[in-house]
Amino acid sequence: MSTVDIVSLLGSTYASTTNETTSSANTLGYEEFLDLFLVELQNQDPLEPMSNTDLSQQLCNYSMLAEQQTANEYLLSLLEAQTSSLNMEAVNLIGKNVLVEDNSVVVSDGEAGDMVFDVDQDCDSCIASIFDEDGNLIRTLATSGIEAGRNTISWDGVDENGEAVEDGVYTYTLSFSGYDSDAPQVSQYSECKIVSVTPDSEDARLFTKDGRQFLYSQVIGVSQG
């Protein structure tokens, strides 16, 4: 009986990493490999037995198969443990205020949150333009002496006419002046309170008090609520 069939089946089975969706009927584990190997020994031609070289190659393949399957199972267990840990971290954010990558600012009970951003260089001034949900400009705020790093612009929650705006989610853009020849690189953030979390194998979803939702990977800072 030729050894080619078993070796070929072994190679085709582990040509790629373990996939949980693969049908068990198409997967050769090390126990099945050993069963086939024993059958091969029992049915070999006694006048032309398997050579020592072929026997060693088969045993080597069996050992490699067992080691690789054990390694794959270990890697899967590590991945599951990491996913579980990240989901637990996300659940622990419930009831806390977080800072997420976003260009929105929320007005709740007449009070507006801060506009937080990172900039990679010093600038003479910054103008924050605030828009309502329909894209209408309702307020501009000018701030001078912007330094490289984390900055915060506060808004009192009133429009250009000095009237309080309605509670809701607003967006803001930033424009800078008085910087080096290259335009500054900016990252904008939003403060929000997490009220619920939906765990996920890829990236947990966080739901805020004001109805927004973000991914756990978007969180860049946490503070007690």
C-alpha atoms as a PDB file:
ATOM      1  CA  MET A   1       0.000   0.000   0.000  1.00  0.00           C
ATOM      2  CA  SER A   2       1.482   3.350  -0.979  1.00  0.00           C
ATOM      3  CA  THR A   3       2.176   6.017   1.668  1.00  0.00           C
ATOM      4  CA  VAL A   4       1.419   8.814  -0.753  1.00  0.00           C
ATOM      5  CA  ASP A   5      -2.311   9.026  -0.006  1.00  0.00           C
ATOM      6  CA  ILE A   6      -1.912   9.646   3.721  1.00  0.00           C
ATOM      7  CA  VAL A   7       0.925  12.135   3.331  1.00  0.00           C
ATOM      8  CA  SER A   8      -0.993  14.043   0.636  1.00  0.00           C
ATOM      9  CA  LEU A   9      -4.104  14.154   2.803  1.00  0.00           C
ATOM     10  CA  LEU A  10      -2.019  15.475   5.684  1.00  0.00           C
ATOM     11  CA  GLY A  11      -0.547  18.230   3.546  1.00  0.00           C
ATOM     12  CA  SER A  12      -3.898  19.345   2.131  1.00  0.00           C
ATOM     13  CA  THR A  13      -5.432  19.419   5.604  1.00  0.00           C
ATOM     14  CA  TYR A  14      -2.795  21.705   7.107  1.00  0.00           C
ATOM     15  CA  ALA A  15      -1.928  23.817   4.099  1.00  0.00           C
ATOM     16  CA  SER A  16      -3.786  26.621   5.891  1.00  0.00           C
ATOM     17  CA  THR A  17      -4.486  27.394   9.546  1.00  0.00           C
ATOM     18  CA  THR A  18      -7.355  25.762  11.399  1.00  0.00           C
ATOM     19  CA  ASN A  19     -10.781  27.101  10.428  1.00  0.00           C
ATOM     20  CA  GLU A  20     -13.651  26.433  12.809  1.00  0.00           C
ATOM     21  CA  THR A  21     -16.147  26.476   9.973  1.00  0.00           C
ATOM     22  CA  THR A  22     -14.459  23.588   8.140  1.00  0.00           C
ATOM     23  CA  SER A  23     -16.587  20.455   8.108  1.00  0.00           C
ATOM     24  CA  SER A  24     -15.306  17.635  10.290  1.00  0.00           C
ATOM     25  CA  ALA A  25     -15.735  15.308   7.323  1.00  0.00           C
ATOM     26  CA  ASN A  26     -13.035  17.244   5.459  1.00  0.00           C
ATOM     27  CA  THR A  27     -10.607  17.513   8.394  1.00  0.00           C
ATOM     28  CA  LEU A  28      -7.960  14.912   9.258  1.00  0.00           C
ATOM     29  CA  GLY A  29      -6.945  15.059  12.903  1.00  0.00           C
ATOM     30  CA  TYR A  30      -3.955  13.321  14.407  1.00  0.00           C
ATOM     31  CA  GLU A  31      -6.122  10.499  15.800  1.00  0.00           C
ATOM     32  CA  GLU A  32      -7.540   9.787  12.329  1.00  0.00           C
ATOM     33  CA  PHE A  33      -4.036   9.987  10.907  1.00  0.00           C
ATOM     34  CA  LEU A  34      -2.835   7.380  13.414  1.00  0.00           C
ATOM     35  CA  ASP A  35      -5.773   5.089  12.566  1.00  0.00           C
ATOM     36  CA  LEU A  36      -4.936   5.277   8.872  1.00  0.00           C
ATOM     37  CA  PHE A  37      -1.271   4.678   9.605  1.00  0.00           C
ATOM     38  CA  LEU A  38      -2.064   1.519  11.635  1.00  0.00           C
ATOM     39  CA  VAL A  39      -4.343   0.242   8.864  1.00  0.00           C
ATOM     40  CA  GLU A  40      -1.537   0.838   6.399  1.00  0.00           C
ATOM     41  CA  LEU A  41       0.877  -1.208   8.524  1.00  0.00           C
ATOM     42  CA  GLN A  42      -1.627  -4.048   8.886  1.00  0.00           C
ATOM     43  CA  ASN A  43      -2.303  -4.226   5.154  1.00  0.00           C
ATOM     44  CA  GLN A  44       1.184  -3.800   3.762  1.00  0.00           C
ATOM     45  CA  ASP A  45       2.610  -6.459   1.516  1.00  0.00           C
ATOM     46  CA  PRO A  46       4.638  -8.835   3.761  1.00  0.00           C
ATOM     47  CA  LEU A  47       6.949  -9.524   0.823  1.00  0.00           C
ATOM     48  CA  GLU A  48       7.570  -5.793   0.322  1.00  0.00           C
ATOM     49  CA  PRO A  49       7.144  -4.175   3.758  1.00  0.00           C
ATOM     50  CA  MET A  50       7.381  -0.451   4.271  1.00  0.00           C
ATOM     51  CA  SER A  51      10.980   0.709   4.309  1.00  0.00           C
ATOM     52  CA  ASN A  52      12.507   2.257   7.403  1.00  0.00           C
ATOM     53  CA  THR A  53      12.686   5.543   5.528  1.00  0.00           C
ATOM     54  CA  ASP A  54       8.958   5.512   4.754  1.00  0.00           C
ATOM     55  CA  LEU A  55       8.157   4.471   8.316  1.00  0.00           C
ATOM     56  CA  SER A  56      10.240   7.298   9.757  1.00  0.00           C
ATOM     57  CA  GLN A  57       8.630   9.792   7.381  1.00  0.00           C
ATOM     58  CA  GLN A  58       5.144   8.677   8.412  1.00  0.00           C
ATOM     59  CA  LEU A  59       5.969   8.936  12.125  1.00  0.00           C
ATOM     60  CA  CYS A  60       7.535  12.342  11.546  1.00  0.00           C
ATOM     61  CA  ASN A  61       4.398  13.525   9.748  1.00  0.00           C
ATOM     62  CA  TYR A  62       2.255  12.214  12.592  1.00  0.00           C
ATOM     63  CA  SER A  63       4.356  14.097  15.145  1.00  0.00           C
ATOM     64  CA  MET A  64       4.189  17.313  13.108  1.00  0.00           C
ATOM     65  CA  LEU A  65       0.418  16.966  12.761  1.00  0.00           C
ATOM     66  CA  ALA A  66      -0.081  16.477  16.493  1.00  0.00           C
ATOM     67  CA  GLU A  67       2.150  19.445  17.337  1.00  0.00           C
ATOM     68  CA  GLN A  68       0.471  21.741  14.830  1.00  0.00           C
ATOM     69  CA  GLN A  69      -3.031  20.825  15.964  1.00  0.00           C
ATOM     70  CA  THR A  70      -2.030  21.439  19.590  1.00  0.00           C
ATOM     71  CA  ALA A  71      -0.514  24.797  18.616  1.00  0.00           C
ATOM     72  CA  ASN A  72      -3.672  25.796  16.702  1.00  0.00           C
ATOM     73  CA  GLU A  73      -5.872  24.897  19.667  1.00  0.00           C
ATOM     74  CA  TYR A  74      -3.615  26.933  21.965  1.00  0.00           C
ATOM     75  CA  LEU A  75      -3.744  29.967  19.664  1.00  0.00           C
ATOM     76  CA  LEU A  76      -7.538  29.741  19.468  1.00  0.00           C
ATOM     77  CA  SER A  77      -7.768  29.612  23.265  1.00  0.00           C
ATOM     78  CA  LEU A  78      -5.541  32.703  23.517  1.00  0.00           C
ATOM     79  CA  LEU A  79      -7.742  34.544  21.007  1.00  0.00           C
ATOM     80  CA  GLU A  80     -10.901  33.630  22.913  1.00  0.00           C
ATOM     81  CA  ALA A  81      -9.319  34.744  26.195  1.00  0.00           C
ATOM     82  CA  GLN A  82      -8.253  38.069  24.676  1.00  0.00           C
ATOM     83  CA  THR A  83     -11.725  38.684  23.235  1.00  0.00           C
ATOM     84  CA  SER A  84     -13.319  37.886  26.594  1.00  0.00           C
ATOM     85  CA  SER A  85     -10.917  40.252  28.363  1.00  0.00           C
ATOM     86  CA  LEU A  86     -11.633  43.122  25.948  1.00  0.00           C
ATOM     87  CA  ASN A  87     -15.391  42.623  26.293  1.00  0.00           C
ATOM     88  CA  MET A  88     -15.039  42.692  30.090  1.00  0.00           C
ATOM     89  CA  GLU A  89     -13.070  45.941  29.863  1.00  0.00           C
ATOM     90  CA  ALA A  90     -15.812  47.406  27.681  1.00  0.00           C
ATOM     91  CA  VAL A  91     -18.554  46.362  30.137  1.00  0.00           C
ATOM     92  CA  ASN A  92     -16.606  48.056  32.938  1.00  0.00           C
ATOM     93  CA  LEU A  93     -17.117  51.386  31.124  1.00  0.00           C
ATOM     94  CA  ILE A  94     -20.853  51.411  31.930  1.00  0.00           C
ATOM     95  CA  GLY A  95     -21.648  54.452  34.069  1.00  0.00           C
ATOM     96  CA  LYS A  96     -18.358  56.179  33.241  1.00  0.00           C
ATOM     97  CA  ASN A  97     -17.507  59.182  31.104  1.00  0.00           C
ATOM     98  CA  VAL A  98     -15.222  58.415  28.198  1.00  0.00           C
ATOM     99  CA  LEU A  99     -13.408  60.350  25.525  1.00  0.00           C
ATOM    100  CA  VAL A 100     -13.905  58.970  22.013  1.00  0.00           C
ATOM    101  CA  GLU A 101     -12.637  59.883  18.566  1.00  0.00           C
ATOM    102  CA  ASP A 102     -15.477  61.999  17.226  1.00  0.00           C
ATOM    103  CA  ASN A 103     -16.223  65.584  16.158  1.00  0.00           C
ATOM    104  CA  SER A 104     -19.489  66.035  18.053  1.00  0.00           C
ATOM    105  CA  VAL A 105     -20.405  68.030  21.144  1.00  0.00           C
ATOM    106  CA  VAL A 106     -23.527  67.318  23.194  1.00  0.00           C
ATOM    107  CA  VAL A 107     -25.865  69.770  24.911  1.00  0.00           C
ATOM    108  CA  SER A 108     -27.778  68.168  27.783  1.00  0.00           C
ATOM    109  CA  ASP A 109     -30.030  70.047  30.241  1.00  0.00           C
ATOM    110  CA  GLY A 110     -28.747  73.272  28.713  1.00  0.00           C
ATOM    111  CA  GLU A 111     -25.096  72.449  29.376  1.00  0.00           C
ATOM    112  CA  ALA A 112     -22.657  71.829  26.550  1.00  0.00           C
ATOM    113  CA  GLY A 113     -19.738  69.434  26.698  1.00  0.00           C
ATOM    114  CA  ASP A 114     -16.192  70.467  25.889  1.00  0.00           C
ATOM    115  CA  MET A 115     -14.574  70.220  22.480  1.00  0.00           C
ATOM    116  CA  VAL A 116     -11.322  68.308  22.955  1.00  0.00           C
ATOM    117  CA  PHE A 117      -8.628  67.895  20.329  1.00  0.00           C
ATOM    118  CA  ASP A 118      -4.974  67.048  19.787  1.00  0.00           C
ATOM    119  CA  VAL A 119      -2.809  69.116  17.469  1.00  0.00           C
ATOM    120  CA  ASP A 120       0.762  68.333  16.446  1.00  0.00           C
ATOM    121  CA  GLN A 121       2.175  71.881  16.547  1.00  0.00           C
ATOM    122  CA  ASP A 122       1.748  75.287  18.155  1.00  0.00           C
ATOM    123  CA  CYS A 123      -0.717  77.667  16.465  1.00  0.00           C
ATOM    124  CA  ASP A 124      -1.489  81.321  17.060  1.00  0.00           C
ATOM    125  CA  SER A 125      -5.233  80.780  17.079  1.00  0.00           C
ATOM    126  CA  CYS A 126      -8.060  78.319  16.465  1.00  0.00           C
ATOM    127  CA  ILE A 127     -11.662  78.895  15.379  1.00  0.00           C
ATOM    128  CA  ALA A 128     -14.256  76.285  16.324  1.00  0.00           C
ATOM    129  CA  SER A 129     -17.364  76.289  14.129  1.00  0.00           C
ATOM    130  CA  ILE A 130     -20.410  74.577  15.642  1.00  0.00           C
ATOM    131  CA  PHE A 131     -23.243  73.183  13.498  1.00  0.00           C
ATOM    132  CA  ASP A 132     -26.694  71.804  14.286  1.00  0.00           C
ATOM    133  CA  GLU A 133     -28.005  68.475  12.984  1.00  0.00           C
ATOM    134  CA  ASP A 134     -29.147  70.167   9.751  1.00  0.00           C
ATOM    135  CA  GLY A 135     -25.661  71.513   9.072  1.00  0.00           C
ATOM    136  CA  ASN A 136     -26.508  75.127   9.963  1.00  0.00           C
ATOM    137  CA  LEU A 137     -23.718  77.161  11.519  1.00  0.00           C
ATOM    138  CA  ILE A 138     -24.933  78.361  14.920  1.00  0.00           C
ATOM    139  CA  ARG A 139     -21.798  79.533  16.703  1.00  0.00           C
ATOM    140  CA  THR A 140     -18.092  80.264  16.179  1.00  0.00           C
ATOM    141  CA  LEU A 141     -15.575  80.413  19.004  1.00  0.00           C
ATOM    142  CA  ALA A 142     -12.068  81.848  18.701  1.00  0.00           C
ATOM    143  CA  THR A 143      -9.198  80.726  20.936  1.00  0.00           C
ATOM    144  CA  SER A 144      -5.617  81.999  20.866  1.00  0.00           C
ATOM    145  CA  GLY A 145      -2.311  80.516  21.971  1.00  0.00           C
ATOM    146  CA  ILE A 146      -2.883  76.907  20.913  1.00  0.00           C
ATOM    147  CA  GLU A 147      -0.058  74.620  22.029  1.00  0.00           C
ATOM    148  CA  ALA A 148       0.939  71.293  20.558  1.00  0.00           C
ATOM    149  CA  GLY A 149      -0.793  68.418  22.352  1.00  0.00           C
ATOM    150  CA  ARG A 150      -4.193  68.141  24.058  1.00  0.00           C
ATOM    151  CA  ASN A 151      -6.413  71.258  24.018  1.00  0.00           C
ATOM    152  CA  THR A 152      -9.956  72.008  25.175  1.00  0.00           C
ATOM    153  CA  ILE A 153     -12.469  74.599  23.992  1.00  0.00           C
ATOM    154  CA  SER A 154     -15.533  75.206  26.168  1.00  0.00           C
ATOM    155  CA  TRP A 155     -18.926  76.240  24.839  1.00  0.00           C
ATOM    156  CA  ASP A 156     -21.660  77.820  26.931  1.00  0.00           C
ATOM    157  CA  GLY A 157     -24.444  76.232  24.876  1.00  0.00           C
ATOM    158  CA  VAL A 158     -25.771  79.447  23.282  1.00  0.00           C
ATOM    159  CA  ASP A 159     -25.896  80.502  19.642  1.00  0.00           C
ATOM    160  CA  GLU A 160     -24.562  83.654  17.958  1.00  0.00           C
ATOM    161  CA  ASN A 161     -27.597  85.598  19.221  1.00  0.00           C
ATOM    162  CA  GLY A 162     -26.944  84.625  22.818  1.00  0.00           C
ATOM    163  CA  GLU A 163     -29.940  82.281  22.964  1.00  0.00           C
ATOM    164  CA  ALA A 164     -29.679  78.832  24.511  1.00  0.00           C
ATOM    165  CA  VAL A 165     -29.744  76.046  21.942  1.00  0.00           C
ATOM    166  CA  GLU A 166     -31.884  72.955  22.268  1.00  0.00           C
ATOM    167  CA  ASP A 167     -30.497  69.802  23.845  1.00  0.00           C
ATOM    168  CA  GLY A 168     -28.980  67.504  21.259  1.00  0.00           C
ATOM    169  CA  VAL A 169     -25.878  66.450  19.415  1.00  0.00           C
ATOM    170  CA  TYR A 170     -23.935  69.106  17.504  1.00  0.00           C
ATOM    171  CA  THR A 171     -20.816  68.824  15.367  1.00  0.00           C
ATOM    172  CA  TYR A 172     -17.798  71.086  15.217  1.00  0.00           C
ATOM    173  CA  THR A 173     -14.920  71.819  12.861  1.00  0.00           C
ATOM    174  CA  LEU A 174     -11.602  73.480  13.636  1.00  0.00           C
ATOM    175  CA  SER A 175      -9.488  75.872  11.606  1.00  0.00           C
ATOM    176  CA  PHE A 176      -6.049  77.142  12.614  1.00  0.00           C
ATOM    177  CA  SER A 177      -3.827  80.102  11.806  1.00  0.00           C
ATOM    178  CA  GLY A 178      -0.271  81.080  12.627  1.00  0.00           C
ATOM    179  CA  TYR A 179       1.421  77.691  12.188  1.00  0.00           C
ATOM    180  CA  ASP A 180       4.386  76.306  10.266  1.00  0.00           C
ATOM    181  CA  SER A 181       4.253  75.790   6.505  1.00  0.00           C
ATOM    182  CA  ASP A 182       2.540  72.401   6.828  1.00  0.00           C
ATOM    183  CA  ALA A 183      -1.069  72.381   8.015  1.00  0.00           C
ATOM    184  CA  PRO A 184      -1.402  70.959  11.539  1.00  0.00           C
ATOM    185  CA  GLN A 185      -2.562  67.385  12.024  1.00  0.00           C
ATOM    186  CA  VAL A 186      -5.618  67.295  14.287  1.00  0.00           C
ATOM    187  CA  SER A 187      -7.566  64.593  16.110  1.00  0.00           C
ATOM    188  CA  GLN A 188     -10.984  65.567  17.516  1.00  0.00           C
ATOM    189  CA  TYR A 189     -12.735  63.962  20.472  1.00  0.00           C
ATOM    190  CA  SER A 190     -16.085  63.940  22.184  1.00  0.00           C
ATOM    191  CA  GLU A 191     -17.029  63.349  25.821  1.00  0.00           C
ATOM    192  CA  CYS A 192     -19.906  60.998  26.568  1.00  0.00           C
ATOM    193  CA  LYS A 193     -21.338  58.773  29.277  1.00  0.00           C
ATOM    194  CA  ILE A 194     -21.673  55.047  28.582  1.00  0.00           C
ATOM    195  CA  VAL A 195     -24.999  53.491  29.649  1.00  0.00           C
ATOM    196  CA  SER A 196     -24.836  50.055  27.979  1.00  0.00           C
ATOM    197  CA  VAL A 197     -22.468  47.777  26.079  1.00  0.00           C
ATOM    198  CA  THR A 198     -22.956  45.066  23.472  1.00  0.00           C
ATOM    199  CA  PRO A 199     -20.024  42.598  23.588  1.00  0.00           C
ATOM    200  CA  ASP A 200     -18.689  41.434  20.235  1.00  0.00           C
ATOM    201  CA  SER A 201     -15.953  39.118  19.016  1.00  0.00           C
ATOM    202  CA  GLU A 202     -14.500  41.915  16.878  1.00  0.00           C
ATOM    203  CA  ASP A 203     -15.116  45.199  18.712  1.00  0.00           C
ATOM    204  CA  ALA A 204     -17.663  45.842  21.489  1.00  0.00           C
ATOM    205  CA  ARG A 205     -20.280  48.533  20.867  1.00  0.00           C
ATOM    206  CA  LEU A 206     -20.769  51.269  23.448  1.00  0.00           C
ATOM    207  CA  PHE A 207     -24.058  53.144  23.783  1.00  0.00           C
ATOM    208  CA  THR A 208     -24.177  56.634  25.282  1.00  0.00           C
ATOM    209  CA  LYS A 209     -26.707  58.467  27.397  1.00  0.00           C
ATOM    210  CA  ASP A 210     -27.502  60.784  24.474  1.00  0.00           C
ATOM    211  CA  GLY A 211     -28.243  57.927  22.063  1.00  0.00           C
ATOM    212  CA  ARG A 212     -24.964  57.719  20.212  1.00  0.00           C
ATOM    213  CA  GLN A 213     -22.925  54.557  19.798  1.00  0.00           C
ATOM    214  CA  PHE A 214     -19.203  53.978  19.398  1.00  0.00           C
ATOM    215  CA  LEU A 215     -16.750  51.113  19.153  1.00  0.00           C
ATOM    216  CA  TYR A 216     -14.615  50.221  22.138  1.00  0.00           C
ATOM    217  CA  SER A 217     -11.500  50.811  19.989  1.00  0.00           C
ATOM    218  CA  GLN A 218     -12.516  54.483  19.636  1.00  0.00           C
ATOM    219  CA  VAL A 219     -12.117  55.155  23.367  1.00  0.00           C
ATOM    220  CA  ILE A 220      -8.949  57.112  24.153  1.00  0.00           C
ATOM    221  CA  GLY A 221      -9.652  58.118  27.757  1.00  0.00           C
ATOM    222  CA  VAL A 222     -11.844  57.232  30.747  1.00  0.00           C
ATOM    223  CA  SER A 223     -13.011  59.126  33.829  1.00  0.00           C
ATOM    224  CA  GLN A 224     -15.444  58.268  36.597  1.00  0.00           C
ATOM    225  CA  GLY A 225     -19.061  59.236  35.901  1.00  0.00           C
END
